[in-house]
Amino acid sequence: MDVLLSAPILFFALGALIAMAGARTPFPDGFAKGLAAYLLVAIGLKGGVALTGVDAATVLPLLLTAGLVSLTMPVLAFAALRMTVGLDAVNAAAIAAHYGSVSLVTFITMTKLLESQGILFGGHMVAALAIMEGPAIVTGLLLAGATGAAATVGVAAGGAGGTLSLSLGQDGKEVSIKAAIREAAFNSSVLLLIGSLLIGLVIGKTGFAALNGLFVAPWDGALSLFLLEMGCLAATRLREAMTLKLGLIAFGVGMPLLGAGVGLAVASALGLGFGDAALFVTLCASASYIAVPAALSHALPTANPGLSLPLSLGITFPFNILVGIPLYIAVTRAMFT
């Protein structure tokens, strides 16, 4: 109950209520993007500072596993969408990629709630967040190609080893998987996060102390305002999501729970502490609505964003914020403390 009554969650609910009333938050255009950039820099700096003095060999197994989970999670989502929902192959692959990648805002919300309860976690979890952004896109494209329904995967001659590409749709348009990965890995959000992480690693605790007034003290307020805006956006997408088939809506709730279960099993196998385990579970349960849509709009142009975005942003995101995170904390506490 304390988690649900925390300021960020309450502001998220307020934003949703404002949207449901047919109004919108009175912020200028670009305000939410500015807050998002601030939060990216702040979480990156904190993660980098926390990584100072940490033996890389101790965190490498987690980081490698995080990438592997992101690479394989779309296979579970794809199978569920094909077998239980009966969705066509290309749209199933596109949605599956969203659910193999991660949500920055869900991760940040969990870090705030853990901090508010005095629960420690490692800075390497920010690195895990960055690593889990892109691999799912590769799997989604390969799943679309493997079906043979609307895409074929091939290796085009030329260059060192050739170029892996997809031939999509009736026009046979080729899309480079390498280009899609580049777009996901080098979008502004990922670059800002990784860059801030490296800066935090370089300046350490002493350098970061001089920035406390900007990146520590205002953190709670900035996160609350950002979640106010996200609540409004999620409620808008929820209206679109309500027009989806019941099976898809059920998937939007069931898939994060399945992902959380995978995260719990992996965290247990890796012997993670409570805080790290809670964050890893949250990452596995979340779904992307920024990096993946941007990459797939070019790589899978025949996929319908009117399915994937309302599902990830309108169903899964608010479910995780309002229900999932309190649940993940409670279950992880029971298993890891």
Protein backbone atom coordinates (compact mmCIF):
# COMPACT_ATOMS: atom_id res chain seq x y z
CA MET A 1 0.00 0.00 0.00
CA ASP A 2 2.90 2.39 0.73
CA VAL A 3 4.11 1.87 -2.84
CA LEU A 4 0.70 2.72 -4.32
CA LEU A 5 0.47 5.84 -2.17
CA SER A 6 3.89 7.16 -3.15
CA ALA A 7 3.99 10.53 -4.93
CA PRO A 8 5.12 9.26 -8.38
CA ILE A 9 2.34 6.65 -8.54
CA LEU A 10 -0.29 9.13 -7.37
CA PHE A 11 0.82 11.66 -9.98
CA PHE A 12 0.63 8.95 -12.66
CA ALA A 13 -2.95 8.23 -11.58
CA LEU A 14 -3.74 11.96 -11.63
CA GLY A 15 -2.47 12.23 -15.22
CA ALA A 16 -4.66 9.30 -16.22
CA LEU A 17 -7.71 10.90 -14.59
CA ILE A 18 -7.05 14.19 -16.38
CA ALA A 19 -6.98 12.38 -19.74
CA MET A 20 -10.11 10.37 -18.92
CA ALA A 21 -11.89 13.65 -18.17
CA GLY A 22 -11.13 14.75 -21.72
CA ALA A 23 -8.51 17.32 -20.69
CA ARG A 24 -4.73 17.39 -20.94
CA THR A 25 -1.90 18.46 -18.69
CA PRO A 26 -1.14 22.19 -19.08
CA PHE A 27 2.53 21.67 -19.94
CA PRO A 28 4.12 23.22 -23.03
CA ASP A 29 5.17 21.03 -25.95
CA GLY A 30 8.52 19.41 -25.30
CA PHE A 31 8.19 19.58 -21.51
CA ALA A 32 7.96 15.80 -21.12
CA LYS A 33 10.90 15.26 -23.47
CA GLY A 34 13.00 17.65 -21.40
CA LEU A 35 12.09 15.81 -18.20
CA ALA A 36 12.87 12.49 -19.85
CA ALA A 37 16.32 13.74 -20.83
CA TYR A 38 16.91 14.97 -17.28
CA LEU A 39 15.91 11.61 -15.80
CA LEU A 40 18.15 9.76 -18.28
CA VAL A 41 21.15 11.86 -17.30
CA ALA A 42 20.39 11.55 -13.58
CA ILE A 43 19.94 7.77 -13.60
CA GLY A 44 23.01 7.35 -15.82
CA LEU A 45 25.21 9.46 -13.55
CA LYS A 46 24.02 7.63 -10.43
CA GLY A 47 24.65 4.29 -12.08
CA GLY A 48 28.14 5.30 -13.20
CA VAL A 49 29.08 6.59 -9.76
CA ALA A 50 27.83 3.37 -8.18
CA LEU A 51 29.97 1.37 -10.62
CA THR A 52 33.21 3.00 -9.51
CA GLY A 53 35.43 0.46 -7.81
CA VAL A 54 33.22 -2.48 -8.86
CA ASP A 55 35.06 -5.50 -10.28
CA ALA A 56 33.83 -5.94 -13.86
CA ALA A 57 34.09 -9.72 -13.58
CA THR A 58 31.46 -9.74 -10.83
CA VAL A 59 28.81 -8.00 -12.95
CA LEU A 60 29.68 -9.49 -16.33
CA PRO A 61 27.49 -12.63 -15.86
CA LEU A 62 24.45 -10.44 -15.16
CA LEU A 63 25.08 -8.16 -18.14
CA LEU A 64 25.56 -11.09 -20.53
CA THR A 65 22.45 -12.77 -19.16
CA ALA A 66 20.46 -9.54 -19.55
CA GLY A 67 21.34 -9.42 -23.24
CA LEU A 68 20.45 -13.10 -23.66
CA VAL A 69 17.08 -12.64 -21.95
CA SER A 70 16.25 -9.70 -24.22
CA LEU A 71 17.24 -11.81 -27.21
CA THR A 72 15.08 -14.80 -26.26
CA MET A 73 12.04 -13.24 -24.55
CA PRO A 74 10.38 -12.31 -27.88
CA VAL A 75 10.22 -16.01 -28.77
CA LEU A 76 7.86 -16.59 -25.81
CA ALA A 77 5.78 -13.56 -26.71
CA PHE A 78 5.64 -14.58 -30.37
CA ALA A 79 4.49 -18.10 -29.51
CA ALA A 80 1.77 -16.75 -27.22
CA LEU A 81 0.50 -14.31 -29.82
CA ARG A 82 0.43 -16.92 -32.58
CA MET A 83 -1.06 -19.80 -30.60
CA THR A 84 -3.47 -18.10 -28.22
CA VAL A 85 -4.36 -14.86 -30.01
CA GLY A 86 -4.02 -16.09 -33.59
CA LEU A 87 -2.23 -12.94 -34.71
CA ASP A 88 -0.52 -12.84 -38.10
CA ALA A 89 3.22 -13.50 -38.15
CA VAL A 90 4.54 -10.01 -38.92
CA ASN A 91 2.44 -8.22 -36.30
CA ALA A 92 3.16 -10.97 -33.77
CA ALA A 93 6.89 -10.53 -34.39
CA ALA A 94 6.65 -6.74 -34.06
CA ILE A 95 4.73 -6.93 -30.78
CA ALA A 96 7.09 -9.64 -29.50
CA ALA A 97 10.05 -7.32 -30.05
CA HIS A 98 8.39 -4.69 -27.85
CA TYR A 99 8.08 -7.24 -25.04
CA GLY A 100 11.68 -8.39 -25.28
CA SER A 101 12.94 -4.84 -24.93
CA VAL A 102 12.45 -2.66 -21.84
CA SER A 103 10.76 0.47 -20.50
CA LEU A 104 13.04 3.14 -19.07
CA VAL A 105 10.22 4.84 -17.17
CA THR A 106 9.12 1.61 -15.49
CA PHE A 107 12.73 0.99 -14.46
CA ILE A 108 13.17 4.52 -13.09
CA THR A 109 9.91 4.27 -11.15
CA MET A 110 11.11 1.06 -9.52
CA THR A 111 14.48 2.62 -8.61
CA LYS A 112 12.68 5.50 -6.91
CA LEU A 113 10.45 3.21 -4.88
CA LEU A 114 13.40 1.05 -3.84
CA GLU A 115 15.32 4.15 -2.76
CA SER A 116 12.33 5.42 -0.79
CA GLN A 117 12.32 2.15 1.17
CA GLY A 118 16.07 2.17 1.73
CA ILE A 119 16.65 -0.87 -0.50
CA LEU A 120 20.10 -0.94 -2.09
CA PHE A 121 20.82 -1.90 -5.70
CA GLY A 122 23.91 -1.78 -7.91
CA GLY A 123 24.79 0.77 -10.55
CA HIS A 124 25.34 -2.11 -12.96
CA MET A 125 21.55 -2.41 -13.24
CA VAL A 126 21.61 0.78 -15.35
CA ALA A 127 24.05 -0.98 -17.68
CA ALA A 128 21.67 -3.95 -17.81
CA LEU A 129 18.88 -1.54 -18.78
CA ALA A 130 20.95 -0.18 -21.68
CA ILE A 131 21.95 -3.66 -22.86
CA MET A 132 18.35 -4.92 -22.92
CA GLU A 133 17.14 -2.18 -25.28
CA GLY A 134 18.24 -3.65 -28.60
CA PRO A 135 18.63 -7.46 -28.83
CA ALA A 136 14.87 -8.04 -28.95
CA ILE A 137 14.67 -6.07 -32.19
CA VAL A 138 16.97 -8.59 -33.88
CA THR A 139 14.85 -11.49 -32.64
CA GLY A 140 11.65 -9.79 -33.79
CA LEU A 141 13.04 -9.34 -37.30
CA LEU A 142 14.28 -12.92 -37.42
CA LEU A 143 10.89 -14.19 -36.24
CA ALA A 144 9.19 -12.23 -38.98
CA GLY A 145 11.55 -13.77 -41.51
CA ALA A 146 11.41 -17.30 -40.16
CA THR A 147 7.67 -17.56 -40.73
CA GLY A 148 8.03 -17.05 -44.46
CA ALA A 149 4.56 -15.47 -44.44
CA ALA A 150 5.52 -11.92 -45.24
CA ALA A 151 9.26 -11.81 -44.98
CA THR A 152 12.33 -13.80 -45.88
CA VAL A 153 15.76 -13.54 -44.32
CA GLY A 154 18.82 -13.71 -46.51
CA VAL A 155 22.47 -12.73 -46.71
CA ALA A 156 23.22 -10.28 -49.46
CA ALA A 157 26.63 -10.59 -51.11
CA GLY A 158 29.17 -7.88 -50.66
CA GLY A 159 31.27 -6.52 -47.84
CA ALA A 160 32.94 -8.62 -45.22
CA GLY A 161 30.69 -11.62 -44.72
CA GLY A 162 27.69 -10.10 -46.43
CA THR A 163 24.78 -8.10 -45.03
CA LEU A 164 21.89 -9.74 -43.20
CA SER A 165 18.64 -8.37 -44.56
CA LEU A 166 14.91 -8.95 -44.76
CA SER A 167 12.81 -9.00 -47.89
CA LEU A 168 9.40 -7.78 -46.77
CA GLY A 169 5.98 -7.70 -48.35
CA GLN A 170 4.99 -8.06 -51.96
CA ASP A 171 7.32 -5.32 -53.18
CA GLY A 172 10.35 -7.29 -51.94
CA LYS A 173 11.78 -4.27 -50.14
CA GLU A 174 15.01 -5.15 -48.37
CA VAL A 175 15.68 -3.89 -44.88
CA SER A 176 19.09 -4.28 -43.26
CA ILE A 177 18.95 -5.82 -39.80
CA LYS A 178 22.24 -4.07 -39.14
CA ALA A 179 20.57 -0.72 -39.86
CA ALA A 180 17.69 -1.54 -37.51
CA ILE A 181 20.10 -2.49 -34.73
CA ARG A 182 22.04 0.71 -35.31
CA GLU A 183 18.87 2.79 -35.01
CA ALA A 184 17.93 1.07 -31.74
CA ALA A 185 21.40 1.13 -30.20
CA PHE A 186 22.30 4.65 -31.23
CA ASN A 187 19.07 6.53 -30.68
CA SER A 188 19.41 9.63 -28.56
CA SER A 189 17.97 8.08 -25.40
CA VAL A 190 20.40 5.14 -25.37
CA LEU A 191 23.38 7.38 -26.18
CA LEU A 192 22.44 9.83 -23.43
CA LEU A 193 22.04 7.04 -20.89
CA ILE A 194 25.32 5.32 -21.74
CA GLY A 195 27.19 8.62 -21.99
CA SER A 196 25.94 9.73 -18.58
CA LEU A 197 26.87 6.34 -17.14
CA LEU A 198 30.43 6.75 -18.41
CA ILE A 199 30.65 10.31 -17.08
CA GLY A 200 29.49 9.13 -13.66
CA LEU A 201 32.11 6.38 -13.78
CA VAL A 202 34.83 8.96 -14.54
CA ILE A 203 33.87 11.68 -12.04
CA GLY A 204 33.09 9.28 -9.18
CA LYS A 205 31.48 10.24 -5.89
CA THR A 206 33.59 13.37 -5.43
CA GLY A 207 32.64 14.86 -8.79
CA PHE A 208 29.01 13.85 -8.43
CA ALA A 209 28.77 15.56 -5.03
CA ALA A 210 29.07 18.92 -6.81
CA LEU A 211 26.01 18.01 -8.92
CA ASN A 212 23.76 16.92 -6.06
CA GLY A 213 21.77 20.14 -6.15
CA LEU A 214 20.75 19.46 -9.75
CA PHE A 215 20.53 15.68 -10.02
CA VAL A 216 19.65 14.49 -6.50
CA ALA A 217 17.49 17.07 -4.72
CA PRO A 218 15.01 17.69 -7.61
CA TRP A 219 14.81 13.99 -8.59
CA ASP A 220 11.53 13.16 -6.82
CA GLY A 221 9.72 16.23 -8.13
CA ALA A 222 10.92 15.75 -11.71
CA LEU A 223 9.90 12.09 -11.69
CA SER A 224 6.46 12.97 -10.32
CA LEU A 225 5.86 15.57 -13.03
CA PHE A 226 7.07 13.20 -15.71
CA LEU A 227 4.76 10.43 -14.51
CA LEU A 228 1.90 12.93 -14.47
CA GLU A 229 2.47 13.45 -18.19
CA MET A 230 2.98 9.71 -18.80
CA GLY A 231 -0.26 8.91 -17.00
CA CYS A 232 -2.10 11.22 -19.36
CA LEU A 233 -0.42 9.65 -22.41
CA ALA A 234 -1.05 6.10 -21.19
CA ALA A 235 -4.75 6.82 -20.62
CA THR A 236 -4.99 8.20 -24.16
CA ARG A 237 -3.47 5.00 -25.52
CA LEU A 238 -5.76 2.99 -23.27
CA ARG A 239 -8.76 4.25 -25.24
CA GLU A 240 -7.15 2.86 -28.39
CA ALA A 241 -6.25 -0.38 -26.60
CA MET A 242 -9.86 -0.96 -25.60
CA THR A 243 -10.69 -1.45 -29.28
CA LEU A 244 -8.26 -4.38 -29.50
CA LYS A 245 -9.36 -7.99 -29.34
CA LEU A 246 -9.83 -9.37 -25.85
CA GLY A 247 -7.01 -11.86 -26.45
CA LEU A 248 -4.54 -9.05 -27.14
CA ILE A 249 -5.61 -7.16 -24.03
CA ALA A 250 -5.13 -10.33 -21.99
CA PHE A 251 -1.68 -10.69 -23.53
CA GLY A 252 -0.83 -7.13 -22.45
CA VAL A 253 -1.43 -8.16 -18.83
CA GLY A 254 -0.24 -11.76 -18.97
CA MET A 255 3.06 -11.19 -20.78
CA PRO A 256 4.57 -8.91 -18.10
CA LEU A 257 3.66 -11.50 -15.48
CA LEU A 258 5.37 -14.19 -17.55
CA GLY A 259 8.37 -11.90 -17.99
CA ALA A 260 8.47 -11.27 -14.26
CA GLY A 261 8.49 -15.03 -13.67
CA VAL A 262 11.45 -15.42 -16.04
CA GLY A 263 13.19 -12.54 -14.28
CA LEU A 264 12.67 -14.14 -10.87
CA ALA A 265 14.09 -17.46 -12.06
CA VAL A 266 17.14 -15.83 -13.64
CA ALA A 267 17.77 -13.55 -10.64
CA SER A 268 17.64 -16.55 -8.35
CA ALA A 269 20.06 -18.51 -10.56
CA LEU A 270 22.47 -15.56 -10.60
CA GLY A 271 22.23 -15.13 -6.82
CA LEU A 272 21.25 -11.46 -7.04
CA GLY A 273 20.46 -9.39 -3.97
CA PHE A 274 16.95 -8.14 -3.26
CA GLY A 275 17.32 -4.72 -4.90
CA ASP A 276 19.06 -5.99 -8.03
CA ALA A 277 16.55 -8.85 -8.32
CA ALA A 278 13.58 -6.48 -8.08
CA LEU A 279 15.01 -4.29 -10.82
CA PHE A 280 15.82 -7.25 -13.07
CA VAL A 281 12.30 -8.61 -12.63
CA THR A 282 10.92 -5.19 -13.55
CA LEU A 283 13.07 -5.03 -16.69
CA CYS A 284 11.90 -8.48 -17.78
CA ALA A 285 8.27 -7.52 -17.15
CA SER A 286 8.37 -4.21 -19.01
CA ALA A 287 7.81 -3.45 -22.69
CA SER A 288 9.38 -0.82 -24.92
CA TYR A 289 7.35 1.99 -26.46
CA ILE A 290 10.23 4.21 -27.60
CA ALA A 291 13.28 2.42 -29.05
CA VAL A 292 11.49 -0.55 -30.63
CA PRO A 293 8.72 1.41 -32.41
CA ALA A 294 11.35 3.73 -33.89
CA ALA A 295 13.43 0.83 -35.23
CA LEU A 296 10.53 -1.29 -36.49
CA SER A 297 8.84 1.57 -38.31
CA HIS A 298 11.62 1.17 -40.89
CA ALA A 299 12.51 -2.50 -40.46
CA LEU A 300 8.93 -3.89 -40.47
CA PRO A 301 6.89 -1.28 -42.34
CA THR A 302 4.01 -3.72 -42.85
CA ALA A 303 3.50 -4.15 -39.08
CA ASN A 304 0.59 -2.20 -37.63
CA PRO A 305 1.70 0.25 -34.87
CA GLY A 306 -1.98 0.59 -33.98
CA LEU A 307 -1.63 -2.81 -32.29
CA SER A 308 1.78 -2.67 -30.64
CA LEU A 309 1.77 0.87 -29.20
CA PRO A 310 -1.67 0.81 -27.54
CA LEU A 311 -0.75 -2.61 -26.15
CA SER A 312 2.66 -1.71 -24.70
CA LEU A 313 1.84 1.85 -23.65
CA GLY A 314 -1.89 1.65 -23.00
CA ILE A 315 -2.11 -1.75 -21.27
CA THR A 316 1.27 -3.05 -20.08
CA PHE A 317 2.82 0.24 -18.95
CA PRO A 318 0.00 1.34 -16.61
CA PHE A 319 -0.44 -2.24 -15.41
CA ASN A 320 3.22 -2.35 -14.40
CA ILE A 321 3.15 1.07 -12.75
CA LEU A 322 -0.05 0.58 -10.75
CA VAL A 323 -0.13 -3.19 -10.15
CA GLY A 324 3.07 -4.83 -11.35
CA ILE A 325 5.70 -2.89 -9.41
CA PRO A 326 4.04 -3.36 -5.98
CA LEU A 327 3.57 -7.04 -6.86
CA TYR A 328 7.17 -7.48 -8.03
CA ILE A 329 8.51 -5.88 -4.86
CA ALA A 330 6.35 -8.10 -2.65
CA VAL A 331 7.21 -11.34 -4.46
CA THR A 332 10.91 -10.53 -4.73
CA ARG A 333 11.03 -9.63 -1.04
CA ALA A 334 9.45 -12.97 -0.17
CA MET A 335 11.98 -14.87 -2.28
CA PHE A 336 15.18 -12.90 -1.69
CA THR A 337 15.03 -11.74 1.94
